[in-house]
Amino acid sequence: MSAAAHAEAAAPPPDTGPLGMWIFLATELLFFGGLFAAYAWGRTHWSDGFSEASRHTHVVLGTLNTALLLTSSALVAVATMCAGEERRRRAAARLLAGAALLGVAFLALKGVEYAKEWHEGLFPGPGFSLARHAGAELFFMLYFVMTGLHALHLLIGVGLLGTFALGAWRGSPWADAGHVEVAGLYWHFVDVVWIVLYPLLYLAGRAS
């Protein structure tokens, strides 16, 4: 066997993790894209109702949650760099754990927000408080579907970051820089989805 063949046989297999995650995120983007298209259609047909409904969202809580997710993304980005150095693995673990805790704080605030909206009669169905505004009920239907799905994705991300934080703290070989990068891609995607949802659901009506 030639030296080139020996080198090729000894070379590690290519890491397909990032590519697989990008493909998965592309399918998720198509899924959320359908919801964004439904929002655009509704806003085109019932602009006044969508604007009125948007003004009843809790912009302070939404803004605070946006800040939490942006901070968590910064922590994950730094953790990905730290995970590549053996002496900084525990620093990466702390950063990942911090990002996961910010995600938990986001979910807790979202729960508070949902409770407020329940008491204000903003859940679609009988007793919907903005029924007199055409399109407002559709807005809140899309609001709860989109934010609920986002919260589900975020919950998965919290579990993912928590798992890698524990693995990096223990020095587990599977919690290496490549796998942390893949987990980070998922987390950043969830954050980007929220960055799109935030102006659509909280700011668009207030700007009109």
N, C-alpha and C. Protein backbone atom coordinates (compact mmCIF):
# COMPACT_ATOMS: atom_id res chain seq x y z
N MET A 1 0.85 -1.20 0.00
CA MET A 1 0.00 0.00 0.00
C MET A 1 0.88 1.24 0.00
N SER A 2 0.55 2.20 -0.82
CA SER A 2 1.36 3.41 -0.93
C SER A 2 1.23 4.28 0.31
N ALA A 3 2.17 5.23 0.45
CA ALA A 3 2.14 6.14 1.59
C ALA A 3 0.88 6.99 1.57
N ALA A 4 0.46 7.38 0.36
CA ALA A 4 -0.75 8.19 0.24
C ALA A 4 -1.97 7.41 0.70
N ALA A 5 -2.01 6.11 0.36
CA ALA A 5 -3.14 5.28 0.78
C ALA A 5 -3.14 5.09 2.28
N HIS A 6 -1.91 4.91 2.86
CA HIS A 6 -1.81 4.79 4.32
C HIS A 6 -2.31 6.06 4.99
N ALA A 7 -1.93 7.21 4.46
CA ALA A 7 -2.36 8.48 5.05
C ALA A 7 -3.86 8.65 4.96
N GLU A 8 -4.42 8.24 3.81
CA GLU A 8 -5.87 8.37 3.65
C GLU A 8 -6.62 7.45 4.61
N ALA A 9 -6.06 6.23 4.81
CA ALA A 9 -6.70 5.29 5.73
C ALA A 9 -6.60 5.76 7.16
N ALA A 10 -5.50 6.43 7.49
CA ALA A 10 -5.29 6.89 8.87
C ALA A 10 -6.04 8.18 9.18
N ALA A 11 -6.45 8.90 8.15
CA ALA A 11 -7.12 10.18 8.36
C ALA A 11 -8.48 9.96 9.03
N PRO A 12 -8.85 10.83 9.99
CA PRO A 12 -10.16 10.68 10.65
C PRO A 12 -11.28 10.98 9.68
N PRO A 13 -12.42 10.36 9.86
CA PRO A 13 -13.55 10.64 8.97
C PRO A 13 -14.00 12.08 9.11
N PRO A 14 -14.51 12.68 8.04
CA PRO A 14 -14.96 14.08 8.13
C PRO A 14 -16.12 14.22 9.11
N ASP A 15 -16.11 15.35 9.78
CA ASP A 15 -17.17 15.63 10.75
C ASP A 15 -18.40 16.13 9.99
N THR A 16 -19.44 15.32 9.97
CA THR A 16 -20.66 15.69 9.25
C THR A 16 -21.70 16.34 10.17
N GLY A 17 -21.34 16.52 11.44
CA GLY A 17 -22.29 17.09 12.39
C GLY A 17 -22.81 18.46 11.99
N PRO A 18 -21.91 19.42 11.67
CA PRO A 18 -22.41 20.75 11.28
C PRO A 18 -23.30 20.72 10.05
N LEU A 19 -22.91 19.91 9.05
CA LEU A 19 -23.73 19.82 7.84
C LEU A 19 -25.11 19.26 8.16
N GLY A 20 -25.14 18.22 8.98
CA GLY A 20 -26.43 17.65 9.37
C GLY A 20 -27.30 18.65 10.10
N MET A 21 -26.67 19.44 10.98
CA MET A 21 -27.44 20.44 11.72
C MET A 21 -27.95 21.53 10.77
N TRP A 22 -27.13 21.95 9.81
CA TRP A 22 -27.58 22.96 8.86
C TRP A 22 -28.77 22.46 8.05
N ILE A 23 -28.73 21.19 7.65
CA ILE A 23 -29.86 20.62 6.91
C ILE A 23 -31.11 20.59 7.77
N PHE A 24 -30.95 20.19 9.05
CA PHE A 24 -32.09 20.17 9.97
C PHE A 24 -32.65 21.58 10.16
N LEU A 25 -31.77 22.56 10.34
CA LEU A 25 -32.23 23.94 10.54
C LEU A 25 -32.92 24.48 9.30
N ALA A 26 -32.48 24.04 8.12
CA ALA A 26 -33.15 24.48 6.89
C ALA A 26 -34.59 23.98 6.86
N THR A 27 -34.82 22.74 7.30
CA THR A 27 -36.20 22.23 7.34
C THR A 27 -37.02 22.98 8.38
N GLU A 28 -36.40 23.32 9.51
CA GLU A 28 -37.10 24.10 10.53
C GLU A 28 -37.43 25.50 10.02
N LEU A 29 -36.53 26.07 9.25
CA LEU A 29 -36.78 27.40 8.69
C LEU A 29 -37.97 27.38 7.75
N LEU A 30 -38.09 26.32 6.97
CA LEU A 30 -39.25 26.19 6.08
C LEU A 30 -40.53 26.10 6.89
N PHE A 31 -40.47 25.39 8.02
CA PHE A 31 -41.65 25.26 8.88
C PHE A 31 -42.08 26.61 9.44
N PHE A 32 -41.13 27.34 10.03
CA PHE A 32 -41.45 28.65 10.57
C PHE A 32 -41.79 29.63 9.44
N GLY A 33 -41.20 29.42 8.26
CA GLY A 33 -41.50 30.29 7.14
C GLY A 33 -42.97 30.23 6.76
N GLY A 34 -43.59 29.06 6.87
CA GLY A 34 -45.02 28.96 6.59
C GLY A 34 -45.84 29.80 7.56
N LEU A 35 -45.44 29.80 8.83
CA LEU A 35 -46.15 30.61 9.82
C LEU A 35 -45.93 32.10 9.56
N PHE A 36 -44.72 32.48 9.15
CA PHE A 36 -44.46 33.87 8.82
C PHE A 36 -45.29 34.30 7.62
N ALA A 37 -45.46 33.40 6.65
CA ALA A 37 -46.28 33.71 5.48
C ALA A 37 -47.74 33.90 5.88
N ALA A 38 -48.23 33.06 6.81
CA ALA A 38 -49.60 33.21 7.30
C ALA A 38 -49.77 34.55 8.01
N TYR A 39 -48.75 34.95 8.78
CA TYR A 39 -48.79 36.25 9.46
C TYR A 39 -48.86 37.38 8.42
N ALA A 40 -48.02 37.30 7.40
CA ALA A 40 -48.00 38.34 6.37
C ALA A 40 -49.34 38.43 5.65
N TRP A 41 -49.94 37.28 5.38
CA TRP A 41 -51.25 37.27 4.73
C TRP A 41 -52.30 37.93 5.62
N GLY A 42 -52.31 37.57 6.89
CA GLY A 42 -53.29 38.14 7.82
C GLY A 42 -53.10 39.63 8.00
N ARG A 43 -51.85 40.06 8.09
CA ARG A 43 -51.62 41.49 8.28
C ARG A 43 -52.01 42.27 7.04
N THR A 44 -51.86 41.67 5.88
CA THR A 44 -52.26 42.34 4.64
C THR A 44 -53.78 42.52 4.58
N HIS A 45 -54.52 41.52 5.05
CA HIS A 45 -55.98 41.55 4.95
C HIS A 45 -56.65 42.28 6.12
N TRP A 46 -56.05 42.21 7.31
CA TRP A 46 -56.66 42.83 8.50
C TRP A 46 -55.60 43.65 9.24
N SER A 47 -55.10 44.64 8.55
CA SER A 47 -54.01 45.45 9.11
C SER A 47 -54.40 46.12 10.43
N ASP A 48 -55.60 46.70 10.47
CA ASP A 48 -56.02 47.40 11.69
C ASP A 48 -56.18 46.43 12.86
N GLY A 49 -56.78 45.27 12.61
CA GLY A 49 -56.96 44.29 13.67
C GLY A 49 -55.64 43.76 14.19
N PHE A 50 -54.69 43.52 13.29
CA PHE A 50 -53.37 43.04 13.70
C PHE A 50 -52.64 44.10 14.52
N SER A 51 -52.77 45.36 14.09
CA SER A 51 -52.11 46.45 14.82
C SER A 51 -52.69 46.60 16.22
N GLU A 52 -54.02 46.54 16.33
CA GLU A 52 -54.67 46.64 17.63
C GLU A 52 -54.27 45.49 18.54
N ALA A 53 -54.24 44.28 17.99
CA ALA A 53 -53.86 43.12 18.79
C ALA A 53 -52.42 43.23 19.25
N SER A 54 -51.53 43.69 18.36
CA SER A 54 -50.12 43.82 18.71
C SER A 54 -49.91 44.80 19.87
N ARG A 55 -50.74 45.83 19.93
CA ARG A 55 -50.61 46.81 21.01
C ARG A 55 -51.01 46.23 22.36
N HIS A 56 -51.63 45.05 22.38
CA HIS A 56 -52.00 44.41 23.64
C HIS A 56 -50.98 43.37 24.10
N THR A 57 -49.92 43.18 23.31
CA THR A 57 -48.85 42.31 23.79
C THR A 57 -48.02 43.05 24.83
N HIS A 58 -47.29 42.32 25.63
CA HIS A 58 -46.53 42.92 26.74
C HIS A 58 -45.10 43.19 26.26
N VAL A 59 -44.90 44.39 25.72
CA VAL A 59 -43.65 44.71 25.06
C VAL A 59 -42.47 44.74 26.04
N VAL A 60 -42.70 45.10 27.29
CA VAL A 60 -41.59 45.13 28.26
C VAL A 60 -41.06 43.72 28.49
N LEU A 61 -41.97 42.77 28.69
CA LEU A 61 -41.54 41.39 28.89
C LEU A 61 -40.89 40.84 27.62
N GLY A 62 -41.45 41.18 26.47
CA GLY A 62 -40.86 40.73 25.21
C GLY A 62 -39.47 41.28 25.00
N THR A 63 -39.28 42.56 25.36
CA THR A 63 -37.96 43.18 25.22
C THR A 63 -36.96 42.55 26.17
N LEU A 64 -37.39 42.30 27.41
CA LEU A 64 -36.50 41.67 28.38
C LEU A 64 -36.10 40.28 27.92
N ASN A 65 -37.05 39.53 27.38
CA ASN A 65 -36.73 38.20 26.87
C ASN A 65 -35.77 38.26 25.68
N THR A 66 -35.91 39.30 24.86
CA THR A 66 -34.98 39.47 23.74
C THR A 66 -33.57 39.69 24.26
N ALA A 67 -33.43 40.50 25.29
CA ALA A 67 -32.11 40.75 25.88
C ALA A 67 -31.53 39.47 26.47
N LEU A 68 -32.37 38.66 27.10
CA LEU A 68 -31.89 37.39 27.67
C LEU A 68 -31.34 36.47 26.58
N LEU A 69 -32.05 36.37 25.47
CA LEU A 69 -31.60 35.47 24.41
C LEU A 69 -30.35 36.00 23.71
N LEU A 70 -30.27 37.30 23.49
CA LEU A 70 -29.06 37.86 22.88
C LEU A 70 -27.84 37.61 23.76
N THR A 71 -28.02 37.78 25.07
CA THR A 71 -26.92 37.51 26.00
C THR A 71 -26.53 36.04 25.97
N SER A 72 -27.53 35.17 25.94
CA SER A 72 -27.24 33.74 25.92
C SER A 72 -26.48 33.34 24.66
N SER A 73 -26.81 33.95 23.52
CA SER A 73 -26.10 33.64 22.29
C SER A 73 -24.63 34.05 22.38
N ALA A 74 -24.38 35.19 23.02
CA ALA A 74 -22.99 35.62 23.21
C ALA A 74 -22.24 34.62 24.08
N LEU A 75 -22.89 34.13 25.14
CA LEU A 75 -22.23 33.14 26.01
C LEU A 75 -21.92 31.86 25.25
N VAL A 76 -22.85 31.41 24.42
CA VAL A 76 -22.64 30.19 23.65
C VAL A 76 -21.50 30.38 22.65
N ALA A 77 -21.42 31.55 22.02
CA ALA A 77 -20.34 31.81 21.06
C ALA A 77 -18.98 31.74 21.74
N VAL A 78 -18.86 32.32 22.93
CA VAL A 78 -17.59 32.27 23.66
C VAL A 78 -17.31 30.85 24.14
N ALA A 79 -18.35 30.14 24.56
CA ALA A 79 -18.18 28.75 25.02
C ALA A 79 -17.65 27.87 23.90
N THR A 80 -18.09 28.10 22.67
CA THR A 80 -17.61 27.31 21.53
C THR A 80 -16.12 27.49 21.33
N MET A 81 -15.63 28.72 21.51
CA MET A 81 -14.20 28.98 21.39
C MET A 81 -13.43 28.33 22.54
N CYS A 82 -13.97 28.40 23.73
CA CYS A 82 -13.28 27.83 24.89
C CYS A 82 -13.24 26.30 24.83
N ALA A 83 -14.25 25.68 24.24
CA ALA A 83 -14.32 24.22 24.22
C ALA A 83 -13.18 23.59 23.43
N GLY A 84 -12.54 24.36 22.56
CA GLY A 84 -11.44 23.82 21.77
C GLY A 84 -10.13 23.74 22.51
N GLU A 85 -10.05 24.30 23.71
CA GLU A 85 -8.81 24.27 24.49
C GLU A 85 -9.06 23.47 25.77
N GLU A 86 -8.24 22.48 25.99
CA GLU A 86 -8.43 21.57 27.12
C GLU A 86 -8.46 22.32 28.45
N ARG A 87 -7.58 23.32 28.60
CA ARG A 87 -7.49 24.03 29.87
C ARG A 87 -8.68 24.97 30.10
N ARG A 88 -9.49 25.19 29.06
CA ARG A 88 -10.64 26.10 29.19
C ARG A 88 -11.97 25.37 29.09
N ARG A 89 -11.91 24.03 29.22
CA ARG A 89 -13.14 23.24 29.09
C ARG A 89 -14.14 23.60 30.20
N ARG A 90 -13.63 23.82 31.40
CA ARG A 90 -14.55 24.15 32.50
C ARG A 90 -15.14 25.55 32.34
N ALA A 91 -14.37 26.45 31.75
CA ALA A 91 -14.91 27.78 31.44
C ALA A 91 -16.04 27.63 30.43
N ALA A 92 -15.85 26.76 29.43
CA ALA A 92 -16.90 26.51 28.45
C ALA A 92 -18.14 25.94 29.14
N ALA A 93 -17.92 25.04 30.10
CA ALA A 93 -19.05 24.45 30.82
C ALA A 93 -19.84 25.52 31.57
N ARG A 94 -19.14 26.44 32.22
CA ARG A 94 -19.83 27.51 32.95
C ARG A 94 -20.63 28.40 32.00
N LEU A 95 -20.03 28.71 30.87
CA LEU A 95 -20.72 29.57 29.90
C LEU A 95 -21.97 28.88 29.34
N LEU A 96 -21.86 27.60 29.02
CA LEU A 96 -23.01 26.86 28.52
C LEU A 96 -24.11 26.77 29.57
N ALA A 97 -23.70 26.54 30.81
CA ALA A 97 -24.68 26.48 31.90
C ALA A 97 -25.36 27.84 32.08
N GLY A 98 -24.58 28.92 31.96
CA GLY A 98 -25.16 30.25 32.07
C GLY A 98 -26.17 30.53 30.98
N ALA A 99 -25.84 30.12 29.74
CA ALA A 99 -26.77 30.30 28.63
C ALA A 99 -28.04 29.49 28.85
N ALA A 100 -27.89 28.26 29.35
CA ALA A 100 -29.07 27.43 29.62
C ALA A 100 -29.95 28.07 30.69
N LEU A 101 -29.34 28.65 31.72
CA LEU A 101 -30.11 29.32 32.77
C LEU A 101 -30.85 30.53 32.23
N LEU A 102 -30.23 31.26 31.32
CA LEU A 102 -30.92 32.40 30.69
C LEU A 102 -32.11 31.90 29.87
N GLY A 103 -31.94 30.73 29.25
CA GLY A 103 -33.07 30.14 28.54
C GLY A 103 -34.21 29.78 29.47
N VAL A 104 -33.87 29.25 30.65
CA VAL A 104 -34.90 28.94 31.65
C VAL A 104 -35.60 30.22 32.10
N ALA A 105 -34.82 31.29 32.29
CA ALA A 105 -35.42 32.58 32.67
C ALA A 105 -36.37 33.08 31.59
N PHE A 106 -35.99 32.89 30.32
CA PHE A 106 -36.88 33.27 29.22
C PHE A 106 -38.20 32.52 29.32
N LEU A 107 -38.14 31.21 29.53
CA LEU A 107 -39.35 30.41 29.59
C LEU A 107 -40.22 30.81 30.78
N ALA A 108 -39.57 31.14 31.90
CA ALA A 108 -40.33 31.57 33.08
C ALA A 108 -41.06 32.88 32.80
N LEU A 109 -40.37 33.83 32.17
CA LEU A 109 -41.02 35.10 31.82
C LEU A 109 -42.14 34.90 30.81
N LYS A 110 -41.92 33.97 29.89
CA LYS A 110 -42.96 33.70 28.90
C LYS A 110 -44.19 33.11 29.59
N GLY A 111 -43.97 32.29 30.61
CA GLY A 111 -45.10 31.76 31.38
C GLY A 111 -45.86 32.86 32.08
N VAL A 112 -45.14 33.82 32.65
CA VAL A 112 -45.79 34.98 33.29
C VAL A 112 -46.60 35.75 32.26
N GLU A 113 -46.03 35.92 31.08
CA GLU A 113 -46.71 36.66 30.01
C GLU A 113 -47.99 35.93 29.58
N TYR A 114 -47.90 34.61 29.41
CA TYR A 114 -49.09 33.84 29.04
C TYR A 114 -50.18 33.96 30.11
N ALA A 115 -49.79 33.95 31.38
CA ALA A 115 -50.77 34.08 32.46
C ALA A 115 -51.48 35.43 32.39
N LYS A 116 -50.71 36.49 32.12
CA LYS A 116 -51.32 37.82 31.98
C LYS A 116 -52.31 37.84 30.82
N GLU A 117 -51.92 37.24 29.70
CA GLU A 117 -52.78 37.24 28.52
C GLU A 117 -54.04 36.40 28.75
N TRP A 118 -53.92 35.36 29.53
CA TRP A 118 -55.10 34.56 29.87
C TRP A 118 -56.10 35.40 30.67
N HIS A 119 -55.59 36.11 31.67
CA HIS A 119 -56.48 36.93 32.51
C HIS A 119 -57.05 38.12 31.75
N GLU A 120 -56.36 38.56 30.70
CA GLU A 120 -56.85 39.69 29.91
C GLU A 120 -57.77 39.24 28.78
N GLY A 121 -58.07 37.95 28.69
CA GLY A 121 -58.99 37.44 27.68
C GLY A 121 -58.43 37.47 26.28
N LEU A 122 -57.13 37.26 26.15
CA LEU A 122 -56.49 37.35 24.84
C LEU A 122 -56.28 35.99 24.19
N PHE A 123 -56.71 34.91 24.84
CA PHE A 123 -56.64 33.60 24.20
C PHE A 123 -57.79 33.48 23.21
N PRO A 124 -57.53 33.06 21.98
CA PRO A 124 -58.61 32.91 20.98
C PRO A 124 -59.67 31.93 21.47
N GLY A 125 -60.91 32.24 21.13
CA GLY A 125 -62.02 31.39 21.53
C GLY A 125 -63.12 32.21 22.16
N PRO A 126 -64.10 31.55 22.79
CA PRO A 126 -65.18 32.26 23.47
C PRO A 126 -64.63 33.21 24.54
N GLY A 127 -65.15 34.41 24.56
CA GLY A 127 -64.68 35.38 25.55
C GLY A 127 -63.46 36.16 25.13
N PHE A 128 -63.04 36.03 23.88
CA PHE A 128 -61.88 36.78 23.40
C PHE A 128 -62.18 38.27 23.49
N SER A 129 -61.33 39.00 24.19
CA SER A 129 -61.65 40.38 24.54
C SER A 129 -61.55 41.36 23.37
N LEU A 130 -60.88 40.99 22.29
CA LEU A 130 -60.74 41.90 21.14
C LEU A 130 -61.56 41.43 19.95
N ALA A 131 -62.64 40.70 20.21
CA ALA A 131 -63.43 40.12 19.13
C ALA A 131 -64.00 41.18 18.19
N ARG A 132 -64.18 42.39 18.69
CA ARG A 132 -64.78 43.44 17.85
C ARG A 132 -63.81 43.93 16.77
N HIS A 133 -62.54 43.58 16.90
CA HIS A 133 -61.54 43.99 15.91
C HIS A 133 -61.27 42.83 14.96
N ALA A 134 -61.68 42.98 13.71
CA ALA A 134 -61.50 41.90 12.73
C ALA A 134 -60.02 41.61 12.54
N GLY A 135 -59.66 40.36 12.66
CA GLY A 135 -58.27 39.95 12.48
C GLY A 135 -57.49 39.82 13.77
N ALA A 136 -57.99 40.41 14.86
CA ALA A 136 -57.25 40.37 16.12
C ALA A 136 -57.14 38.94 16.66
N GLU A 137 -58.22 38.18 16.49
CA GLU A 137 -58.20 36.81 17.01
C GLU A 137 -57.20 35.95 16.21
N LEU A 138 -57.12 36.18 14.90
CA LEU A 138 -56.15 35.47 14.08
C LEU A 138 -54.73 35.83 14.51
N PHE A 139 -54.52 37.11 14.82
CA PHE A 139 -53.20 37.53 15.29
C PHE A 139 -52.80 36.74 16.52
N PHE A 140 -53.68 36.67 17.51
CA PHE A 140 -53.31 35.98 18.74
C PHE A 140 -53.24 34.46 18.55
N MET A 141 -53.98 33.94 17.59
CA MET A 141 -53.83 32.52 17.28
C MET A 141 -52.42 32.25 16.76
N LEU A 142 -51.97 33.10 15.82
CA LEU A 142 -50.61 32.95 15.31
C LEU A 142 -49.58 33.25 16.40
N TYR A 143 -49.88 34.21 17.23
CA TYR A 143 -48.97 34.57 18.33
C TYR A 143 -48.71 33.36 19.23
N PHE A 144 -49.76 32.71 19.66
CA PHE A 144 -49.59 31.58 20.58
C PHE A 144 -48.97 30.37 19.89
N VAL A 145 -49.31 30.15 18.63
CA VAL A 145 -48.70 29.03 17.91
C VAL A 145 -47.20 29.27 17.73
N MET A 146 -46.84 30.46 17.26
CA MET A 146 -45.43 30.74 16.98
C MET A 146 -44.59 30.82 18.24
N THR A 147 -45.09 31.52 19.25
CA THR A 147 -44.30 31.62 20.48
C THR A 147 -44.28 30.29 21.24
N GLY A 148 -45.36 29.51 21.14
CA GLY A 148 -45.37 28.20 21.78
C GLY A 148 -44.38 27.25 21.14
N LEU A 149 -44.34 27.23 19.80
CA LEU A 149 -43.37 26.39 19.11
C LEU A 149 -41.94 26.86 19.39
N HIS A 150 -41.76 28.17 19.44
CA HIS A 150 -40.44 28.69 19.77
C HIS A 150 -40.03 28.27 21.18
N ALA A 151 -40.96 28.33 22.12
CA ALA A 151 -40.66 27.93 23.49
C ALA A 151 -40.29 26.44 23.56
N LEU A 152 -40.97 25.62 22.76
CA LEU A 152 -40.65 24.19 22.71
C LEU A 152 -39.23 23.97 22.19
N HIS A 153 -38.87 24.67 21.11
CA HIS A 153 -37.51 24.57 20.59
C HIS A 153 -36.49 25.07 21.62
N LEU A 154 -36.84 26.12 22.32
CA LEU A 154 -35.93 26.66 23.33
C LEU A 154 -35.74 25.67 24.47
N LEU A 155 -36.81 25.00 24.87
CA LEU A 155 -36.71 24.00 25.93
C LEU A 155 -35.76 22.88 25.52
N ILE A 156 -35.86 22.44 24.26
CA ILE A 156 -34.92 21.42 23.76
C ILE A 156 -33.49 21.96 23.80
N GLY A 157 -33.33 23.22 23.42
CA GLY A 157 -32.01 23.83 23.45
C GLY A 157 -31.44 23.91 24.85
N VAL A 158 -32.28 24.22 25.83
CA VAL A 158 -31.83 24.27 27.22
C VAL A 158 -31.30 22.90 27.65
N GLY A 159 -32.04 21.85 27.30
CA GLY A 159 -31.58 20.50 27.62
C GLY A 159 -30.27 20.16 26.93
N LEU A 160 -30.13 20.61 25.68
CA LEU A 160 -28.92 20.36 24.91
C LEU A 160 -27.72 21.07 25.54
N LEU A 161 -27.88 22.34 25.85
CA LEU A 161 -26.77 23.08 26.45
C LEU A 161 -26.42 22.55 27.84
N GLY A 162 -27.44 22.19 28.61
CA GLY A 162 -27.19 21.63 29.93
C GLY A 162 -26.41 20.33 29.85
N THR A 163 -26.74 19.49 28.87
CA THR A 163 -26.03 18.22 28.70
C THR A 163 -24.57 18.46 28.34
N PHE A 164 -24.31 19.38 27.42
CA PHE A 164 -22.94 19.66 27.03
C PHE A 164 -22.17 20.38 28.13
N ALA A 165 -22.86 21.19 28.91
CA ALA A 165 -22.19 21.84 30.04
C ALA A 165 -21.69 20.79 31.03
N LEU A 166 -22.52 19.80 31.31
CA LEU A 166 -22.12 18.73 32.23
C LEU A 166 -20.98 17.91 31.63
N GLY A 167 -21.10 17.61 30.33
CA GLY A 167 -20.04 16.84 29.69
C GLY A 167 -18.72 17.57 29.66
N ALA A 168 -18.75 18.88 29.35
CA ALA A 168 -17.52 19.66 29.33
C ALA A 168 -16.91 19.78 30.71
N TRP A 169 -17.73 19.91 31.73
CA TRP A 169 -17.23 20.00 33.12
C TRP A 169 -16.51 18.72 33.54
N ARG A 170 -17.06 17.59 33.09
CA ARG A 170 -16.47 16.29 33.44
C ARG A 170 -15.33 15.89 32.51
N GLY A 171 -15.13 16.67 31.43
CA GLY A 171 -14.09 16.34 30.48
C GLY A 171 -14.43 15.18 29.58
N SER A 172 -15.70 14.94 29.35
CA SER A 172 -16.14 13.84 28.48
C SER A 172 -15.69 14.10 27.05
N PRO A 173 -15.16 13.07 26.37
CA PRO A 173 -14.66 13.27 25.00
C PRO A 173 -15.73 13.68 24.01
N TRP A 174 -16.99 13.31 24.25
CA TRP A 174 -18.05 13.67 23.30
C TRP A 174 -18.42 15.14 23.38
N ALA A 175 -18.03 15.82 24.48
CA ALA A 175 -18.34 17.25 24.63
C ALA A 175 -17.18 18.08 24.09
N ASP A 176 -16.73 17.76 22.87
CA ASP A 176 -15.60 18.48 22.30
C ASP A 176 -16.08 19.73 21.56
N ALA A 177 -15.13 20.45 21.00
CA ALA A 177 -15.47 21.74 20.36
C ALA A 177 -16.41 21.54 19.18
N GLY A 178 -16.22 20.47 18.41
CA GLY A 178 -17.08 20.25 17.25
C GLY A 178 -18.53 20.03 17.63
N HIS A 179 -18.76 19.22 18.66
CA HIS A 179 -20.13 18.96 19.08
C HIS A 179 -20.75 20.17 19.77
N VAL A 180 -19.95 20.90 20.52
CA VAL A 180 -20.45 22.14 21.13
C VAL A 180 -20.84 23.15 20.06
N GLU A 181 -20.06 23.19 18.98
CA GLU A 181 -20.39 24.09 17.87
C GLU A 181 -21.74 23.73 17.25
N VAL A 182 -22.01 22.43 17.09
CA VAL A 182 -23.28 21.98 16.52
C VAL A 182 -24.43 22.39 17.44
N ALA A 183 -24.25 22.17 18.76
CA ALA A 183 -25.29 22.59 19.71
C ALA A 183 -25.49 24.10 19.66
N GLY A 184 -24.37 24.82 19.48
CA GLY A 184 -24.46 26.28 19.39
C GLY A 184 -25.23 26.74 18.16
N LEU A 185 -25.06 26.03 17.05
CA LEU A 185 -25.82 26.37 15.85
C LEU A 185 -27.32 26.29 16.11
N TYR A 186 -27.74 25.24 16.81
CA TYR A 186 -29.17 25.10 17.12
C TYR A 186 -29.63 26.25 18.01
N TRP A 187 -28.83 26.58 19.01
CA TRP A 187 -29.22 27.66 19.93
C TRP A 187 -29.31 28.99 19.20
N HIS A 188 -28.35 29.27 18.34
CA HIS A 188 -28.38 30.54 17.60
C HIS A 188 -29.60 30.59 16.67
N PHE A 189 -29.97 29.45 16.09
CA PHE A 189 -31.16 29.42 15.23
C PHE A 189 -32.41 29.79 16.04
N VAL A 190 -32.54 29.21 17.21
CA VAL A 190 -33.70 29.51 18.06
C VAL A 190 -33.73 31.01 18.40
N ASP A 191 -32.56 31.56 18.66
CA ASP A 191 -32.49 32.99 18.98
C ASP A 191 -32.86 33.85 17.77
N VAL A 192 -32.40 33.46 16.58
CA VAL A 192 -32.72 34.22 15.37
C VAL A 192 -34.22 34.20 15.10
N VAL A 193 -34.86 33.04 15.33
CA VAL A 193 -36.31 32.97 15.15
C VAL A 193 -37.00 33.99 16.06
N TRP A 194 -36.53 34.08 17.30
CA TRP A 194 -37.13 35.05 18.22
C TRP A 194 -36.89 36.49 17.75
N ILE A 195 -35.71 36.75 17.21
CA ILE A 195 -35.39 38.10 16.73
C ILE A 195 -36.36 38.49 15.61
N VAL A 196 -36.85 37.53 14.85
CA VAL A 196 -37.86 37.81 13.82
C VAL A 196 -39.24 37.96 14.46
N LEU A 197 -39.55 37.10 15.42
CA LEU A 197 -40.87 37.16 16.06
C LEU A 197 -41.06 38.45 16.85
N TYR A 198 -40.03 38.91 17.49
CA TYR A 198 -40.15 40.07 18.39
C TYR A 198 -40.72 41.30 17.69
N PRO A 199 -40.15 41.76 16.57
CA PRO A 199 -40.76 42.94 15.92
C PRO A 199 -42.12 42.67 15.32
N LEU A 200 -42.32 41.45 14.79
CA LEU A 200 -43.62 41.13 14.19
C LEU A 200 -44.75 41.16 15.21
N LEU A 201 -44.50 40.62 16.39
CA LEU A 201 -45.56 40.45 17.38
C LEU A 201 -45.65 41.61 18.38
N TYR A 202 -44.54 42.26 18.67
CA TYR A 202 -44.55 43.27 19.72
C TYR A 202 -44.44 44.70 19.21
N LEU A 203 -43.77 44.91 18.08
CA LEU A 203 -43.47 46.28 17.66
C LEU A 203 -44.28 46.76 16.46
N ALA A 204 -44.69 45.85 15.58
CA ALA A 204 -45.31 46.28 14.33
C ALA A 204 -46.56 47.13 14.57
N GLY A 205 -47.42 46.74 15.49
CA GLY A 205 -48.63 47.51 15.77
C GLY A 205 -48.35 48.83 16.43
N ARG A 206 -47.32 48.87 17.25
CA ARG A 206 -47.00 50.11 17.95
C ARG A 206 -46.37 51.14 17.04
N ALA A 207 -45.77 50.66 15.93
CA ALA A 207 -45.14 51.57 15.00
C ALA A 207 -46.15 52.17 14.01
N SER A 208 -47.35 51.58 13.95
CA SER A 208 -48.34 52.06 12.96
C SER A 208 -49.26 53.10 13.56
